[in-house]
């Protein structure tokens, strides 16, 4: 079973017992990546290499969706037009490590974390 106290950098934890009897190791070679549903429990060992490990999470939804809570989360429109304004709009970066893009990323991650912390107790009530 996974530990209830183990968390990722966003502070997310698995609170229910998790059956690990069907767990499989999936070693990745340099340049490979894994793609899985955002709710799929997964983990990796410590990064012992001299360069960083990169994770990329994407969620796709129509702009008609309205997030709950007091924080307006950030989103980048990938197609069509947003006539609803439910999200804080993000624009593609002008260049790699562009100061504006770094600030936008920090804002987006901060709002995601704030939203997660706000929603976590609600999910605990529903699960309990």
Protein backbone atom coordinates (compact mmCIF):
# COMPACT_ATOMS: atom_id res chain seq x y z
CA UNK A 1 0.00 0.00 0.00
CA UNK A 2 1.14 3.55 -0.66
CA UNK A 3 1.82 5.71 2.34
CA UNK A 4 -0.82 8.26 3.27
CA UNK A 5 1.95 10.70 4.08
CA UNK A 6 3.80 10.53 0.75
CA UNK A 7 2.99 13.50 -1.43
CA UNK A 8 4.13 15.16 -4.60
CA UNK A 9 5.30 18.76 -4.95
CA UNK A 10 1.70 19.98 -5.22
CA UNK A 11 0.97 18.32 -1.87
CA UNK A 12 -1.34 15.72 -3.41
CA UNK A 13 -1.69 12.46 -1.51
CA UNK A 14 -3.46 9.14 -1.99
CA UNK A 15 -5.69 8.67 1.05
CA UNK A 16 -7.41 5.38 0.24
CA UNK A 17 -5.77 1.95 0.37
CA UNK A 18 -4.30 1.09 -3.03
CA UNK A 19 -4.05 -2.47 -4.28
CA UNK A 20 -0.54 -2.82 -5.68
CA UNK A 21 -0.83 -6.51 -6.64
CA UNK A 22 -0.97 -5.65 -10.36
CA UNK A 23 1.78 -3.03 -10.32
CA UNK A 24 4.16 -3.22 -13.27
CA UNK A 25 7.51 -1.58 -13.78
CA UNK A 26 7.84 0.42 -16.96
CA UNK A 27 11.46 1.39 -17.51
CA UNK A 28 11.86 4.26 -19.95
CA UNK A 29 14.83 4.78 -22.20
CA UNK A 30 16.27 8.26 -22.80
CA UNK A 31 13.87 10.22 -24.99
CA UNK A 32 10.85 8.06 -24.13
CA UNK A 33 7.83 9.18 -22.10
CA UNK A 34 4.78 7.70 -20.47
CA UNK A 35 1.26 8.91 -21.11
CA UNK A 36 -1.51 8.10 -18.69
CA UNK A 37 -4.74 9.45 -17.23
CA UNK A 38 -4.21 12.17 -14.63
CA UNK A 39 -5.93 10.08 -11.96
CA UNK A 40 -3.75 7.02 -12.59
CA UNK A 41 -1.54 6.48 -9.54
CA UNK A 42 2.08 6.44 -10.64
CA UNK A 43 5.51 7.04 -9.20
CA UNK A 44 9.15 6.88 -10.05
CA UNK A 45 12.38 6.43 -8.21
CA UNK A 46 14.71 9.30 -7.37
CA UNK A 47 16.35 11.09 -10.24
CA UNK A 48 20.05 10.19 -9.96
CA UNK A 49 21.07 11.79 -13.25
CA UNK A 50 22.81 15.12 -13.69
CA UNK A 51 19.84 16.73 -15.45
CA UNK A 52 16.25 17.41 -14.45
CA UNK A 53 13.30 15.16 -15.05
CA UNK A 54 10.40 16.84 -16.83
CA UNK A 55 6.71 16.20 -16.26
CA UNK A 56 3.97 17.65 -18.43
CA UNK A 57 0.31 17.53 -17.45
CA UNK A 58 -2.47 18.51 -19.85
CA UNK A 59 -6.21 18.69 -19.36
CA UNK A 60 -8.52 19.51 -22.25
CA UNK A 61 -12.01 20.95 -21.72
CA UNK A 62 -14.36 23.33 -23.49
CA UNK A 63 -14.42 26.99 -22.37
CA UNK A 64 -18.05 26.50 -21.32
CA UNK A 65 -16.79 24.64 -18.24
CA UNK A 66 -16.78 26.76 -15.10
CA UNK A 67 -14.41 25.79 -12.32
CA UNK A 68 -15.76 25.80 -8.78
CA UNK A 69 -14.14 27.78 -6.04
CA UNK A 70 -12.75 31.22 -5.49
CA UNK A 71 -9.62 30.91 -7.64
CA UNK A 72 -9.71 31.59 -11.37
CA UNK A 73 -7.38 28.95 -12.77
CA UNK A 74 -5.26 29.57 -15.83
CA UNK A 75 -5.82 27.97 -19.23
CA UNK A 76 -4.58 28.32 -22.78
CA UNK A 77 -7.13 28.22 -25.55
CA UNK A 78 -6.02 25.66 -28.13
CA UNK A 79 -8.94 25.95 -30.53
CA UNK A 80 -11.96 28.13 -31.17
CA UNK A 81 -13.07 31.15 -29.18
CA UNK A 82 -13.61 31.69 -25.46
CA UNK A 83 -16.78 33.71 -24.97
CA UNK A 84 -17.17 32.78 -21.31
CA UNK A 85 -14.07 34.03 -19.45
CA UNK A 86 -14.11 31.31 -16.79
CA UNK A 87 -10.31 30.95 -16.86
CA UNK A 88 -7.35 33.32 -16.64
CA UNK A 89 -6.07 33.28 -20.24
CA UNK A 90 -2.50 32.23 -20.97
CA UNK A 91 -0.70 33.06 -24.19
CA UNK A 92 2.04 30.98 -25.79
CA UNK A 93 5.54 32.03 -24.73
CA UNK A 94 7.47 34.31 -27.10
CA UNK A 95 10.74 32.49 -26.48
CA UNK A 96 12.22 29.78 -24.28
CA UNK A 97 12.66 31.02 -20.70
CA UNK A 98 11.02 34.35 -21.60
CA UNK A 99 10.48 36.43 -18.43
CA UNK A 100 6.76 36.89 -19.15
CA UNK A 101 6.32 33.17 -19.77
CA UNK A 102 8.10 32.29 -16.53
CA UNK A 103 5.85 34.70 -14.61
CA UNK A 104 2.75 33.26 -16.32
CA UNK A 105 3.85 29.73 -15.44
CA UNK A 106 4.37 30.67 -11.80
CA UNK A 107 0.90 32.27 -11.71
CA UNK A 108 -0.70 29.20 -13.30
CA UNK A 109 1.02 26.74 -10.94
CA UNK A 110 0.18 28.86 -7.90
CA UNK A 111 -3.49 29.03 -8.85
CA UNK A 112 -3.57 25.30 -9.55
CA UNK A 113 -2.11 24.61 -6.11
CA UNK A 114 -4.51 27.03 -4.39
CA UNK A 115 -7.45 25.42 -6.17
CA UNK A 116 -6.24 21.94 -5.25
CA UNK A 117 -5.93 22.85 -1.56
CA UNK A 118 -9.37 24.46 -1.65
CA UNK A 119 -11.01 21.43 -3.30
CA UNK A 120 -9.22 18.67 -1.35
CA UNK A 121 -11.43 18.91 1.78
CA UNK A 122 -14.56 18.77 -0.41
CA UNK A 123 -13.38 15.54 -2.00
CA UNK A 124 -12.55 14.10 1.42
CA UNK A 125 -16.13 14.78 2.55
CA UNK A 126 -17.52 13.07 -0.55
CA UNK A 127 -15.23 10.06 -0.08
CA UNK A 128 -16.00 9.74 3.63
